[in-house]
């Protein structure tokens, strides 16, 4: 079974990685086949939906990277941490919090909360 830390690392690697077989492998290994992604303005389902969500973010902010900016907190199968999004060498474009539900070493739900500007 995957540890919480390895799940978060793979999650961020998937969101920061380019489209292709490496990202597809991370999605298959670390996300449930029916994973739900809830964002403020959109919702996605399954591995295809996860890939679409990542592609949409990368298209909106080319070159931006998501970096964990706070400690990981857990309660049973709930995992959360804060993050920043931005291009290296520049001020972050956004910040927020991911709330994950992790069961049997896989992310079953991801909720993305974005801080107000």
C-alpha atoms as a PDB file:
ATOM      1  CA  UNK A   1       0.000   0.000   0.000  1.00  0.00           C
ATOM      2  CA  UNK A   2       1.195   3.531  -0.759  1.00  0.00           C
ATOM      3  CA  UNK A   3       2.084   5.821   2.168  1.00  0.00           C
ATOM      4  CA  UNK A   4       0.357   9.204   2.487  1.00  0.00           C
ATOM      5  CA  UNK A   5       3.634  10.943   1.628  1.00  0.00           C
ATOM      6  CA  UNK A   6       4.149   8.855  -1.521  1.00  0.00           C
ATOM      7  CA  UNK A   7       0.539   9.513  -2.585  1.00  0.00           C
ATOM      8  CA  UNK A   8       0.991  13.288  -2.180  1.00  0.00           C
ATOM      9  CA  UNK A   9       4.328  13.231  -4.004  1.00  0.00           C
ATOM     10  CA  UNK A  10       2.821  11.259  -6.905  1.00  0.00           C
ATOM     11  CA  UNK A  11      -0.228  13.554  -6.918  1.00  0.00           C
ATOM     12  CA  UNK A  12       1.924  16.672  -7.270  1.00  0.00           C
ATOM     13  CA  UNK A  13       4.160  14.973  -9.845  1.00  0.00           C
ATOM     14  CA  UNK A  14       1.075  14.125 -11.909  1.00  0.00           C
ATOM     15  CA  UNK A  15      -0.234  17.698 -11.747  1.00  0.00           C
ATOM     16  CA  UNK A  16       3.188  19.164 -12.563  1.00  0.00           C
ATOM     17  CA  UNK A  17       4.083  16.659 -15.279  1.00  0.00           C
ATOM     18  CA  UNK A  18       3.485  16.914 -19.002  1.00  0.00           C
ATOM     19  CA  UNK A  19       0.824  14.842 -20.734  1.00  0.00           C
ATOM     20  CA  UNK A  20       2.082  11.438 -21.729  1.00  0.00           C
ATOM     21  CA  UNK A  21       2.716   7.913 -20.516  1.00  0.00           C
ATOM     22  CA  UNK A  22       4.538   8.917 -17.285  1.00  0.00           C
ATOM     23  CA  UNK A  23       1.604  11.024 -16.123  1.00  0.00           C
ATOM     24  CA  UNK A  24      -0.881   8.344 -17.227  1.00  0.00           C
ATOM     25  CA  UNK A  25       1.017   5.761 -15.138  1.00  0.00           C
ATOM     26  CA  UNK A  26       0.923   8.005 -12.043  1.00  0.00           C
ATOM     27  CA  UNK A  27      -2.814   8.532 -12.495  1.00  0.00           C
ATOM     28  CA  UNK A  28      -3.429   4.785 -12.879  1.00  0.00           C
ATOM     29  CA  UNK A  29      -1.346   3.894  -9.817  1.00  0.00           C
ATOM     30  CA  UNK A  30      -2.316   6.632  -7.364  1.00  0.00           C
ATOM     31  CA  UNK A  31      -5.937   7.509  -8.215  1.00  0.00           C
ATOM     32  CA  UNK A  32      -8.999   5.289  -7.958  1.00  0.00           C
ATOM     33  CA  UNK A  33     -10.546   4.487 -11.339  1.00  0.00           C
ATOM     34  CA  UNK A  34     -13.645   6.497 -10.363  1.00  0.00           C
ATOM     35  CA  UNK A  35     -11.757   9.375  -8.697  1.00  0.00           C
ATOM     36  CA  UNK A  36     -13.752  12.583  -8.263  1.00  0.00           C
ATOM     37  CA  UNK A  37     -12.111  16.003  -8.725  1.00  0.00           C
ATOM     38  CA  UNK A  38     -14.024  19.003  -7.402  1.00  0.00           C
ATOM     39  CA  UNK A  39     -12.780  22.482  -8.257  1.00  0.00           C
ATOM     40  CA  UNK A  40     -14.535  25.807  -7.659  1.00  0.00           C
ATOM     41  CA  UNK A  41     -15.791  25.978 -11.253  1.00  0.00           C
ATOM     42  CA  UNK A  42     -15.620  22.403 -12.501  1.00  0.00           C
ATOM     43  CA  UNK A  43     -15.956  18.747 -11.619  1.00  0.00           C
ATOM     44  CA  UNK A  44     -14.253  15.762 -13.218  1.00  0.00           C
ATOM     45  CA  UNK A  45     -14.619  11.999 -12.831  1.00  0.00           C
ATOM     46  CA  UNK A  46     -12.316   9.045 -13.435  1.00  0.00           C
ATOM     47  CA  UNK A  47      -8.814   8.813 -14.844  1.00  0.00           C
ATOM     48  CA  UNK A  48      -9.822  10.610 -18.039  1.00  0.00           C
ATOM     49  CA  UNK A  49     -11.371  13.412 -15.999  1.00  0.00           C
ATOM     50  CA  UNK A  50      -8.226  13.690 -13.867  1.00  0.00           C
ATOM     51  CA  UNK A  51      -6.121  14.049 -17.001  1.00  0.00           C
ATOM     52  CA  UNK A  52      -8.537  16.677 -18.367  1.00  0.00           C
ATOM     53  CA  UNK A  53      -8.340  18.674 -15.108  1.00  0.00           C
ATOM     54  CA  UNK A  54      -4.535  18.657 -15.187  1.00  0.00           C
ATOM     55  CA  UNK A  55      -4.417  19.596 -18.879  1.00  0.00           C
ATOM     56  CA  UNK A  56      -6.871  22.469 -18.289  1.00  0.00           C
ATOM     57  CA  UNK A  57      -4.745  23.924 -15.485  1.00  0.00           C
ATOM     58  CA  UNK A  58      -1.537  23.606 -17.476  1.00  0.00           C
ATOM     59  CA  UNK A  59      -3.148  25.295 -20.490  1.00  0.00           C
ATOM     60  CA  UNK A  60      -4.386  28.139 -18.307  1.00  0.00           C
ATOM     61  CA  UNK A  61      -1.008  28.727 -16.609  1.00  0.00           C
ATOM     62  CA  UNK A  62       1.810  27.367 -18.802  1.00  0.00           C
ATOM     63  CA  UNK A  63       5.025  26.652 -16.915  1.00  0.00           C
ATOM     64  CA  UNK A  64       3.396  26.968 -13.495  1.00  0.00           C
ATOM     65  CA  UNK A  65       4.229  24.409 -10.814  1.00  0.00           C
ATOM     66  CA  UNK A  66       2.223  23.404  -7.752  1.00  0.00           C
ATOM     67  CA  UNK A  67       4.373  23.307  -4.594  1.00  0.00           C
ATOM     68  CA  UNK A  68       3.292  22.172  -1.154  1.00  0.00           C
ATOM     69  CA  UNK A  69       3.539  25.151   1.197  1.00  0.00           C
ATOM     70  CA  UNK A  70       2.314  23.736   4.484  1.00  0.00           C
ATOM     71  CA  UNK A  71       2.317  20.598   6.585  1.00  0.00           C
ATOM     72  CA  UNK A  72       0.261  17.553   5.755  1.00  0.00           C
ATOM     73  CA  UNK A  73      -2.663  17.034   8.106  1.00  0.00           C
ATOM     74  CA  UNK A  74      -4.607  13.797   8.316  1.00  0.00           C
ATOM     75  CA  UNK A  75      -7.747  12.492  10.003  1.00  0.00           C
ATOM     76  CA  UNK A  76      -8.582   8.899   9.110  1.00  0.00           C
ATOM     77  CA  UNK A  77      -8.785   8.838   5.285  1.00  0.00           C
ATOM     78  CA  UNK A  78      -8.816  12.651   4.926  1.00  0.00           C
ATOM     79  CA  UNK A  79      -5.551  14.346   3.915  1.00  0.00           C
ATOM     80  CA  UNK A  80      -5.011  18.071   3.453  1.00  0.00           C
ATOM     81  CA  UNK A  81      -2.165  20.527   2.887  1.00  0.00           C
ATOM     82  CA  UNK A  82      -1.724  24.022   1.501  1.00  0.00           C
ATOM     83  CA  UNK A  83      -0.040  24.801  -1.819  1.00  0.00           C
ATOM     84  CA  UNK A  84       1.122  27.604  -4.067  1.00  0.00           C
ATOM     85  CA  UNK A  85       1.020  27.728  -7.849  1.00  0.00           C
ATOM     86  CA  UNK A  86       3.461  29.715  -9.912  1.00  0.00           C
ATOM     87  CA  UNK A  87       6.347  29.938 -12.321  1.00  0.00           C
ATOM     88  CA  UNK A  88       9.759  29.499 -10.718  1.00  0.00           C
ATOM     89  CA  UNK A  89      11.417  32.813  -9.902  1.00  0.00           C
ATOM     90  CA  UNK A  90       8.127  34.738  -9.812  1.00  0.00           C
ATOM     91  CA  UNK A  91       5.565  35.426  -7.103  1.00  0.00           C
ATOM     92  CA  UNK A  92       2.909  32.680  -6.881  1.00  0.00           C
ATOM     93  CA  UNK A  93      -0.130  33.126  -9.143  1.00  0.00           C
ATOM     94  CA  UNK A  94      -2.426  31.370  -6.681  1.00  0.00           C
ATOM     95  CA  UNK A  95      -2.533  29.558  -3.380  1.00  0.00           C
ATOM     96  CA  UNK A  96      -4.975  27.208  -1.788  1.00  0.00           C
ATOM     97  CA  UNK A  97      -5.537  23.836  -0.192  1.00  0.00           C
ATOM     98  CA  UNK A  98      -6.027  20.332  -1.496  1.00  0.00           C
ATOM     99  CA  UNK A  99      -8.352  18.052   0.421  1.00  0.00           C
ATOM    100  CA  UNK A 100      -7.901  14.409  -0.532  1.00  0.00           C
ATOM    101  CA  UNK A 101      -9.716  11.272   0.482  1.00  0.00           C
ATOM    102  CA  UNK A 102      -7.225   8.393   0.366  1.00  0.00           C
ATOM    103  CA  UNK A 103      -8.424   4.803   0.631  1.00  0.00           C
ATOM    104  CA  UNK A 104      -6.262   1.723   0.195  1.00  0.00           C
ATOM    105  CA  UNK A 105      -3.343   3.895  -0.941  1.00  0.00           C
ATOM    106  CA  UNK A 106      -5.266   5.634  -3.735  1.00  0.00           C
ATOM    107  CA  UNK A 107      -6.898   9.038  -3.993  1.00  0.00           C
ATOM    108  CA  UNK A 108     -10.657   8.570  -4.328  1.00  0.00           C
ATOM    109  CA  UNK A 109     -11.584  12.265  -4.124  1.00  0.00           C
ATOM    110  CA  UNK A 110      -9.749  15.549  -4.598  1.00  0.00           C
ATOM    111  CA  UNK A 111     -11.240  18.889  -3.642  1.00  0.00           C
ATOM    112  CA  UNK A 112      -9.313  21.993  -4.672  1.00  0.00           C
ATOM    113  CA  UNK A 113      -9.894  25.106  -2.576  1.00  0.00           C
ATOM    114  CA  UNK A 114      -8.435  28.373  -3.861  1.00  0.00           C
ATOM    115  CA  UNK A 115      -7.635  31.267  -1.541  1.00  0.00           C
ATOM    116  CA  UNK A 116      -9.333  34.566  -2.308  1.00  0.00           C
ATOM    117  CA  UNK A 117      -7.012  37.061  -4.038  1.00  0.00           C
END
